[in-house]
Amino acid sequence: MSLFILNNELLFPPVHLAEPDGMLAVGGDLSTERLLLAYRLGIFPWYEGQHILWWSPDPRFVLFPEELKESKSMKQLDRRQAFDFRTNTAFREVITNCKTIARPGQESTWITDEVRSAYTRMHELGYAHSAEAWQDGELVGGLYGIRLGKVFFGESMFSKVSNASKYAFIHYVRQLQGEGVRLVDCQVYTPHLESLGAQMIPRADFVSFLDEFIP
């Protein structure tokens, strides 16, 4: 297989031509138009050094909102209202925390200044959203992603207090389900999201869902 080099033309190669690890193309830009096209096709960006890499892994890690799992400990936090859940009140702060927070085994972040600017622009246009956990007036956890039709594409999460990001995720998935969202894209496997009900599905099925759930 060959890695595709993108230019200024607004297109992507078919996702079935991706490498076995999911890498599909390199280059292009992070314009709103290109990002929207990518998500509609089942593709997402990930930086490596100075290069924008575009990915479409197979299988794809997703959560169907009705299959959300909540542990006993999280239910207890819920009953105590351990955090104040909010949406879209501090988007730039959420993505900045996702960019800067230390992660075990990860020396750098894919969220460059260019990524932060691109997704902040998407937020201003109504495509990117944040879900937030607050405690004593401080933002202590959250996540952000893209909403298109009945699909939410999760991008990154952070937590400064134990279970804060999980709390925000659970509450946001419930909210999305109430708004008619049918699919949450988690991109690649993590044990954290698997414990919340996420599962692997074939990329072909994922793309079919996108065709069905995004107008």
C-alpha atoms as a PDB file:
ATOM      1  CA  MET A   1       0.000   0.000   0.000  1.00  0.00           C
ATOM      2  CA  SER A   2       1.049   3.618  -0.546  1.00  0.00           C
ATOM      3  CA  LEU A   3       0.726   6.605   1.776  1.00  0.00           C
ATOM      4  CA  PHE A   4      -1.191   9.420   0.081  1.00  0.00           C
ATOM      5  CA  ILE A   5       0.168  12.970   0.081  1.00  0.00           C
ATOM      6  CA  LEU A   6      -2.534  15.639   0.309  1.00  0.00           C
ATOM      7  CA  ASN A   7      -2.300  19.005  -1.402  1.00  0.00           C
ATOM      8  CA  ASN A   8      -4.640  22.008  -1.458  1.00  0.00           C
ATOM      9  CA  GLU A   9      -7.376  20.028  -3.188  1.00  0.00           C
ATOM     10  CA  LEU A  10     -10.212  19.204  -0.804  1.00  0.00           C
ATOM     11  CA  LEU A  11     -10.350  15.416  -1.015  1.00  0.00           C
ATOM     12  CA  PHE A  12      -9.207  12.215   0.677  1.00  0.00           C
ATOM     13  CA  PRO A  13      -8.437   8.774  -0.716  1.00  0.00           C
ATOM     14  CA  PRO A  14     -10.951   5.989   0.053  1.00  0.00           C
ATOM     15  CA  VAL A  15     -10.550   4.785   3.634  1.00  0.00           C
ATOM     16  CA  HIS A  16     -10.134   1.148   2.606  1.00  0.00           C
ATOM     17  CA  LEU A  17      -6.735   2.123   1.168  1.00  0.00           C
ATOM     18  CA  ALA A  18      -5.380   2.955   4.649  1.00  0.00           C
ATOM     19  CA  GLU A  19      -2.323   1.145   5.971  1.00  0.00           C
ATOM     20  CA  PRO A  20      -2.935  -1.756   8.383  1.00  0.00           C
ATOM     21  CA  ASP A  21      -2.360   0.583  11.334  1.00  0.00           C
ATOM     22  CA  GLY A  22      -4.980   2.983   9.969  1.00  0.00           C
ATOM     23  CA  MET A  23      -2.724   5.669   8.524  1.00  0.00           C
ATOM     24  CA  LEU A  24      -4.251   6.959   5.312  1.00  0.00           C
ATOM     25  CA  ALA A  25      -2.595  10.208   4.254  1.00  0.00           C
ATOM     26  CA  VAL A  26      -0.211  12.997   5.220  1.00  0.00           C
ATOM     27  CA  GLY A  27      -0.319  16.740   4.632  1.00  0.00           C
ATOM     28  CA  GLY A  28      -3.137  19.067   3.762  1.00  0.00           C
ATOM     29  CA  ASP A  29      -4.393  21.511   6.352  1.00  0.00           C
ATOM     30  CA  LEU A  30      -6.787  21.874   9.271  1.00  0.00           C
ATOM     31  CA  SER A  31      -9.324  24.103   7.578  1.00  0.00           C
ATOM     32  CA  THR A  32     -12.886  23.707   8.810  1.00  0.00           C
ATOM     33  CA  GLU A  33     -13.929  22.412   5.386  1.00  0.00           C
ATOM     34  CA  ARG A  34     -11.266  19.702   5.355  1.00  0.00           C
ATOM     35  CA  LEU A  35     -11.969  18.645   8.936  1.00  0.00           C
ATOM     36  CA  LEU A  36     -15.707  18.354   8.300  1.00  0.00           C
ATOM     37  CA  LEU A  37     -15.071  16.264   5.198  1.00  0.00           C
ATOM     38  CA  ALA A  38     -12.658  14.038   7.099  1.00  0.00           C
ATOM     39  CA  TYR A  39     -15.094  13.292   9.911  1.00  0.00           C
ATOM     40  CA  ARG A  40     -17.922  12.579   7.483  1.00  0.00           C
ATOM     41  CA  LEU A  41     -15.670   9.995   5.797  1.00  0.00           C
ATOM     42  CA  GLY A  42     -14.503   8.360   9.014  1.00  0.00           C
ATOM     43  CA  ILE A  43     -11.062  10.015   9.065  1.00  0.00           C
ATOM     44  CA  PHE A  44      -9.394  12.005  11.836  1.00  0.00           C
ATOM     45  CA  PRO A  45      -6.125  13.981  12.079  1.00  0.00           C
ATOM     46  CA  TRP A  46      -3.188  13.226  14.345  1.00  0.00           C
ATOM     47  CA  TYR A  47       0.054  15.169  14.392  1.00  0.00           C
ATOM     48  CA  GLU A  48       3.481  13.553  14.390  1.00  0.00           C
ATOM     49  CA  GLY A  49       6.212  16.156  14.550  1.00  0.00           C
ATOM     50  CA  GLN A  50       5.399  18.875  12.034  1.00  0.00           C
ATOM     51  CA  HIS A  51       3.250  16.666   9.821  1.00  0.00           C
ATOM     52  CA  ILE A  52      -0.530  16.238   9.843  1.00  0.00           C
ATOM     53  CA  LEU A  53      -1.313  12.540   9.568  1.00  0.00           C
ATOM     54  CA  TRP A  54      -4.813  11.338   8.688  1.00  0.00           C
ATOM     55  CA  TRP A  55      -6.130   8.070  10.095  1.00  0.00           C
ATOM     56  CA  SER A  56      -9.002   5.659   9.583  1.00  0.00           C
ATOM     57  CA  PRO A  57      -8.324   2.568  11.719  1.00  0.00           C
ATOM     58  CA  ASP A  58      -9.965  -0.793  11.200  1.00  0.00           C
ATOM     59  CA  PRO A  59     -11.590  -1.873  13.445  1.00  0.00           C
ATOM     60  CA  ARG A  60     -13.006   1.324  14.923  1.00  0.00           C
ATOM     61  CA  PHE A  61     -13.619   1.869  18.645  1.00  0.00           C
ATOM     62  CA  VAL A  62     -17.112   3.245  19.289  1.00  0.00           C
ATOM     63  CA  LEU A  63     -19.803   3.545  21.938  1.00  0.00           C
ATOM     64  CA  PHE A  64     -23.494   3.158  21.289  1.00  0.00           C
ATOM     65  CA  PRO A  65     -25.061   5.512  23.880  1.00  0.00           C
ATOM     66  CA  GLU A  66     -27.680   2.986  24.970  1.00  0.00           C
ATOM     67  CA  GLU A  67     -24.848   0.602  25.917  1.00  0.00           C
ATOM     68  CA  LEU A  68     -23.143   3.042  28.299  1.00  0.00           C
ATOM     69  CA  LYS A  69     -21.922   1.301  31.462  1.00  0.00           C
ATOM     70  CA  GLU A  70     -21.696   3.021  34.826  1.00  0.00           C
ATOM     71  CA  SER A  71     -19.855   1.366  37.714  1.00  0.00           C
ATOM     72  CA  LYS A  72     -21.146   1.339  41.296  1.00  0.00           C
ATOM     73  CA  SER A  73     -18.498   3.839  42.305  1.00  0.00           C
ATOM     74  CA  MET A  74     -19.522   6.222  39.519  1.00  0.00           C
ATOM     75  CA  LYS A  75     -23.184   5.854  40.490  1.00  0.00           C
ATOM     76  CA  GLN A  76     -22.230   6.857  44.020  1.00  0.00           C
ATOM     77  CA  LEU A  77     -20.423   9.947  42.700  1.00  0.00           C
ATOM     78  CA  ASP A  78     -23.488  10.689  40.620  1.00  0.00           C
ATOM     79  CA  ARG A  79     -25.830  10.476  43.597  1.00  0.00           C
ATOM     80  CA  ARG A  80     -23.541  12.773  45.593  1.00  0.00           C
ATOM     81  CA  GLN A  81     -23.274  15.148  42.635  1.00  0.00           C
ATOM     82  CA  ALA A  82     -19.529  15.125  43.219  1.00  0.00           C
ATOM     83  CA  PHE A  83     -18.987  17.414  40.240  1.00  0.00           C
ATOM     84  CA  ASP A  84     -20.907  20.170  38.529  1.00  0.00           C
ATOM     85  CA  PHE A  85     -21.476  19.065  34.928  1.00  0.00           C
ATOM     86  CA  ARG A  86     -21.554  21.754  32.235  1.00  0.00           C
ATOM     87  CA  THR A  87     -21.227  21.910  28.459  1.00  0.00           C
ATOM     88  CA  ASN A  88     -19.570  24.514  26.241  1.00  0.00           C
ATOM     89  CA  THR A  89     -18.751  26.993  29.009  1.00  0.00           C
ATOM     90  CA  ALA A  90     -14.956  26.682  28.756  1.00  0.00           C
ATOM     91  CA  PHE A  91     -14.067  25.058  25.446  1.00  0.00           C
ATOM     92  CA  ARG A  92     -10.653  26.669  25.034  1.00  0.00           C
ATOM     93  CA  GLU A  93      -9.764  25.821  28.638  1.00  0.00           C
ATOM     94  CA  VAL A  94     -10.751  22.183  28.051  1.00  0.00           C
ATOM     95  CA  ILE A  95      -8.658  21.774  24.905  1.00  0.00           C
ATOM     96  CA  THR A  96      -5.728  23.583  26.546  1.00  0.00           C
ATOM     97  CA  ASN A  97      -5.844  21.145  29.461  1.00  0.00           C
ATOM     98  CA  CYS A  98      -6.015  18.209  27.028  1.00  0.00           C
ATOM     99  CA  LYS A  99      -2.942  19.681  25.327  1.00  0.00           C
ATOM    100  CA  THR A 100      -0.838  20.295  28.433  1.00  0.00           C
ATOM    101  CA  ILE A 101      -1.761  17.634  30.993  1.00  0.00           C
ATOM    102  CA  ALA A 102       0.915  15.013  31.669  1.00  0.00           C
ATOM    103  CA  ARG A 103       0.016  11.494  30.528  1.00  0.00           C
ATOM    104  CA  PRO A 104       1.878   8.333  31.621  1.00  0.00           C
ATOM    105  CA  GLY A 105       4.106   6.989  28.853  1.00  0.00           C
ATOM    106  CA  GLN A 106       3.485   9.988  26.599  1.00  0.00           C
ATOM    107  CA  GLU A 107       6.281  12.514  26.166  1.00  0.00           C
ATOM    108  CA  SER A 108       4.465  14.922  23.868  1.00  0.00           C
ATOM    109  CA  THR A 109       0.989  15.798  22.653  1.00  0.00           C
ATOM    110  CA  TRP A 110      -0.592  15.700  19.217  1.00  0.00           C
ATOM    111  CA  ILE A 111      -2.600  18.825  20.144  1.00  0.00           C
ATOM    112  CA  THR A 112      -0.407  21.530  18.655  1.00  0.00           C
ATOM    113  CA  ASP A 113      -1.202  25.237  18.725  1.00  0.00           C
ATOM    114  CA  GLU A 114      -2.527  24.807  15.177  1.00  0.00           C
ATOM    115  CA  VAL A 115      -4.865  22.023  16.327  1.00  0.00           C
ATOM    116  CA  ARG A 116      -6.119  24.122  19.230  1.00  0.00           C
ATOM    117  CA  SER A 117      -6.812  27.068  16.926  1.00  0.00           C
ATOM    118  CA  ALA A 118      -8.581  24.862  14.344  1.00  0.00           C
ATOM    119  CA  TYR A 119     -10.892  23.217  16.873  1.00  0.00           C
ATOM    120  CA  THR A 120     -11.577  26.486  18.675  1.00  0.00           C
ATOM    121  CA  ARG A 121     -12.687  27.842  15.310  1.00  0.00           C
ATOM    122  CA  MET A 122     -14.891  24.761  14.885  1.00  0.00           C
ATOM    123  CA  HIS A 123     -16.374  25.464  18.309  1.00  0.00           C
ATOM    124  CA  GLU A 124     -17.172  29.040  17.347  1.00  0.00           C
ATOM    125  CA  LEU A 125     -18.973  27.682  14.279  1.00  0.00           C
ATOM    126  CA  GLY A 126     -21.011  25.251  16.383  1.00  0.00           C
ATOM    127  CA  TYR A 127     -19.312  21.983  15.378  1.00  0.00           C
ATOM    128  CA  ALA A 128     -16.931  21.366  18.294  1.00  0.00           C
ATOM    129  CA  HIS A 129     -18.231  20.957  21.842  1.00  0.00           C
ATOM    130  CA  SER A 130     -16.856  20.520  25.335  1.00  0.00           C
ATOM    131  CA  ALA A 131     -18.223  18.566  28.283  1.00  0.00           C
ATOM    132  CA  GLU A 132     -16.885  19.700  31.626  1.00  0.00           C
ATOM    133  CA  ALA A 133     -16.628  18.599  35.263  1.00  0.00           C
ATOM    134  CA  TRP A 134     -16.284  21.442  37.752  1.00  0.00           C
ATOM    135  CA  GLN A 135     -15.520  21.279  41.472  1.00  0.00           C
ATOM    136  CA  ASP A 136     -15.597  24.254  43.814  1.00  0.00           C
ATOM    137  CA  GLY A 137     -15.646  26.579  40.823  1.00  0.00           C
ATOM    138  CA  GLU A 138     -12.612  24.990  39.165  1.00  0.00           C
ATOM    139  CA  LEU A 139     -12.518  23.029  35.919  1.00  0.00           C
ATOM    140  CA  VAL A 140     -11.116  19.629  36.960  1.00  0.00           C
ATOM    141  CA  GLY A 141     -11.951  17.373  34.018  1.00  0.00           C
ATOM    142  CA  GLY A 142     -13.614  17.153  30.666  1.00  0.00           C
ATOM    143  CA  LEU A 143     -13.499  16.274  27.009  1.00  0.00           C
ATOM    144  CA  TYR A 144     -14.090  17.788  23.597  1.00  0.00           C
ATOM    145  CA  GLY A 145     -15.090  16.574  20.168  1.00  0.00           C
ATOM    146  CA  ILE A 146     -17.102  17.181  17.020  1.00  0.00           C
ATOM    147  CA  ARG A 147     -20.856  16.755  16.638  1.00  0.00           C
ATOM    148  CA  LEU A 148     -22.260  16.037  13.172  1.00  0.00           C
ATOM    149  CA  GLY A 149     -25.849  14.923  12.852  1.00  0.00           C
ATOM    150  CA  LYS A 150     -26.428  11.974  15.191  1.00  0.00           C
ATOM    151  CA  VAL A 151     -22.726  11.257  15.702  1.00  0.00           C
ATOM    152  CA  PHE A 152     -20.305  12.654  18.273  1.00  0.00           C
ATOM    153  CA  PHE A 153     -16.609  12.238  17.460  1.00  0.00           C
ATOM    154  CA  GLY A 154     -14.628  12.284  20.693  1.00  0.00           C
ATOM    155  CA  GLU A 155     -11.164  13.797  20.443  1.00  0.00           C
ATOM    156  CA  SER A 156      -9.470  14.039  23.831  1.00  0.00           C
ATOM    157  CA  MET A 157     -10.157  14.077  27.566  1.00  0.00           C
ATOM    158  CA  PHE A 158      -8.317  15.213  30.683  1.00  0.00           C
ATOM    159  CA  SER A 159      -8.699  14.847  34.419  1.00  0.00           C
ATOM    160  CA  LYS A 160      -7.086  16.724  37.303  1.00  0.00           C
ATOM    161  CA  VAL A 161      -9.184  14.941  39.927  1.00  0.00           C
ATOM    162  CA  SER A 162      -9.864  11.206  40.023  1.00  0.00           C
ATOM    163  CA  ASN A 163     -12.928  10.225  37.931  1.00  0.00           C
ATOM    164  CA  ALA A 164     -13.616  13.795  36.742  1.00  0.00           C
ATOM    165  CA  SER A 165     -13.288  13.039  33.020  1.00  0.00           C
ATOM    166  CA  LYS A 166     -15.274   9.824  33.429  1.00  0.00           C
ATOM    167  CA  TYR A 167     -18.031  11.768  35.207  1.00  0.00           C
ATOM    168  CA  ALA A 168     -18.161  14.333  32.389  1.00  0.00           C
ATOM    169  CA  PHE A 169     -18.185  11.587  29.758  1.00  0.00           C
ATOM    170  CA  ILE A 170     -21.038   9.665  31.374  1.00  0.00           C
ATOM    171  CA  HIS A 171     -23.174  12.759  31.792  1.00  0.00           C
ATOM    172  CA  TYR A 172     -22.453  13.938  28.272  1.00  0.00           C
ATOM    173  CA  VAL A 173     -23.293  10.590  26.694  1.00  0.00           C
ATOM    174  CA  ARG A 174     -26.624  10.667  28.533  1.00  0.00           C
ATOM    175  CA  GLN A 175     -27.249  14.175  27.244  1.00  0.00           C
ATOM    176  CA  LEU A 176     -26.305  13.211  23.693  1.00  0.00           C
ATOM    177  CA  GLN A 177     -28.611  10.210  23.815  1.00  0.00           C
ATOM    178  CA  GLY A 178     -31.441  12.486  24.885  1.00  0.00           C
ATOM    179  CA  GLU A 179     -30.652  14.698  21.882  1.00  0.00           C
ATOM    180  CA  GLY A 180     -30.882  11.760  19.479  1.00  0.00           C
ATOM    181  CA  VAL A 181     -27.194  10.930  19.030  1.00  0.00           C
ATOM    182  CA  ARG A 182     -26.811   7.310  17.937  1.00  0.00           C
ATOM    183  CA  LEU A 183     -23.041   6.832  17.902  1.00  0.00           C
ATOM    184  CA  VAL A 184     -20.003   8.096  19.822  1.00  0.00           C
ATOM    185  CA  ASP A 185     -16.682   7.649  18.007  1.00  0.00           C
ATOM    186  CA  CYS A 186     -13.862   6.811  20.431  1.00  0.00           C
ATOM    187  CA  GLN A 187     -11.345   6.308  17.590  1.00  0.00           C
ATOM    188  CA  VAL A 188      -8.866   3.831  19.098  1.00  0.00           C
ATOM    189  CA  TYR A 189      -8.999   1.369  21.966  1.00  0.00           C
ATOM    190  CA  THR A 190      -8.456   2.377  25.589  1.00  0.00           C
ATOM    191  CA  PRO A 191      -9.290   0.260  28.656  1.00  0.00           C
ATOM    192  CA  HIS A 192     -10.802   3.387  30.228  1.00  0.00           C
ATOM    193  CA  LEU A 193     -13.471   3.705  27.536  1.00  0.00           C
ATOM    194  CA  GLU A 194     -13.977  -0.037  27.237  1.00  0.00           C
ATOM    195  CA  SER A 195     -15.012  -0.042  30.904  1.00  0.00           C
ATOM    196  CA  LEU A 196     -17.706   2.479  29.950  1.00  0.00           C
ATOM    197  CA  GLY A 197     -19.132   0.245  27.230  1.00  0.00           C
ATOM    198  CA  ALA A 198     -17.127   1.107  24.110  1.00  0.00           C
ATOM    199  CA  GLN A 199     -16.449  -1.701  21.625  1.00  0.00           C
ATOM    200  CA  MET A 200     -14.658  -2.455  18.378  1.00  0.00           C
ATOM    201  CA  ILE A 201     -16.642  -2.602  15.139  1.00  0.00           C
ATOM    202  CA  PRO A 202     -15.454  -3.093  11.530  1.00  0.00           C
ATOM    203  CA  ARG A 203     -14.537   0.130   9.735  1.00  0.00           C
ATOM    204  CA  ALA A 204     -17.024  -0.707   6.980  1.00  0.00           C
ATOM    205  CA  ASP A 205     -19.831  -0.790   9.553  1.00  0.00           C
ATOM    206  CA  PHE A 206     -18.626   2.480  11.048  1.00  0.00           C
ATOM    207  CA  VAL A 207     -18.674   4.200   7.647  1.00  0.00           C
ATOM    208  CA  SER A 208     -22.178   2.833   7.022  1.00  0.00           C
ATOM    209  CA  PHE A 209     -23.330   4.318  10.314  1.00  0.00           C
ATOM    210  CA  LEU A 210     -21.875   7.686   9.303  1.00  0.00           C
ATOM    211  CA  ASP A 211     -23.781   7.574   6.036  1.00  0.00           C
ATOM    212  CA  GLU A 212     -26.963   6.794   7.956  1.00  0.00           C
ATOM    213  CA  PHE A 213     -26.596   9.189  10.906  1.00  0.00           C
ATOM    214  CA  ILE A 214     -25.083  12.301   9.251  1.00  0.00           C
ATOM    215  CA  PRO A 215     -27.406  14.161   6.849  1.00  0.00           C
END
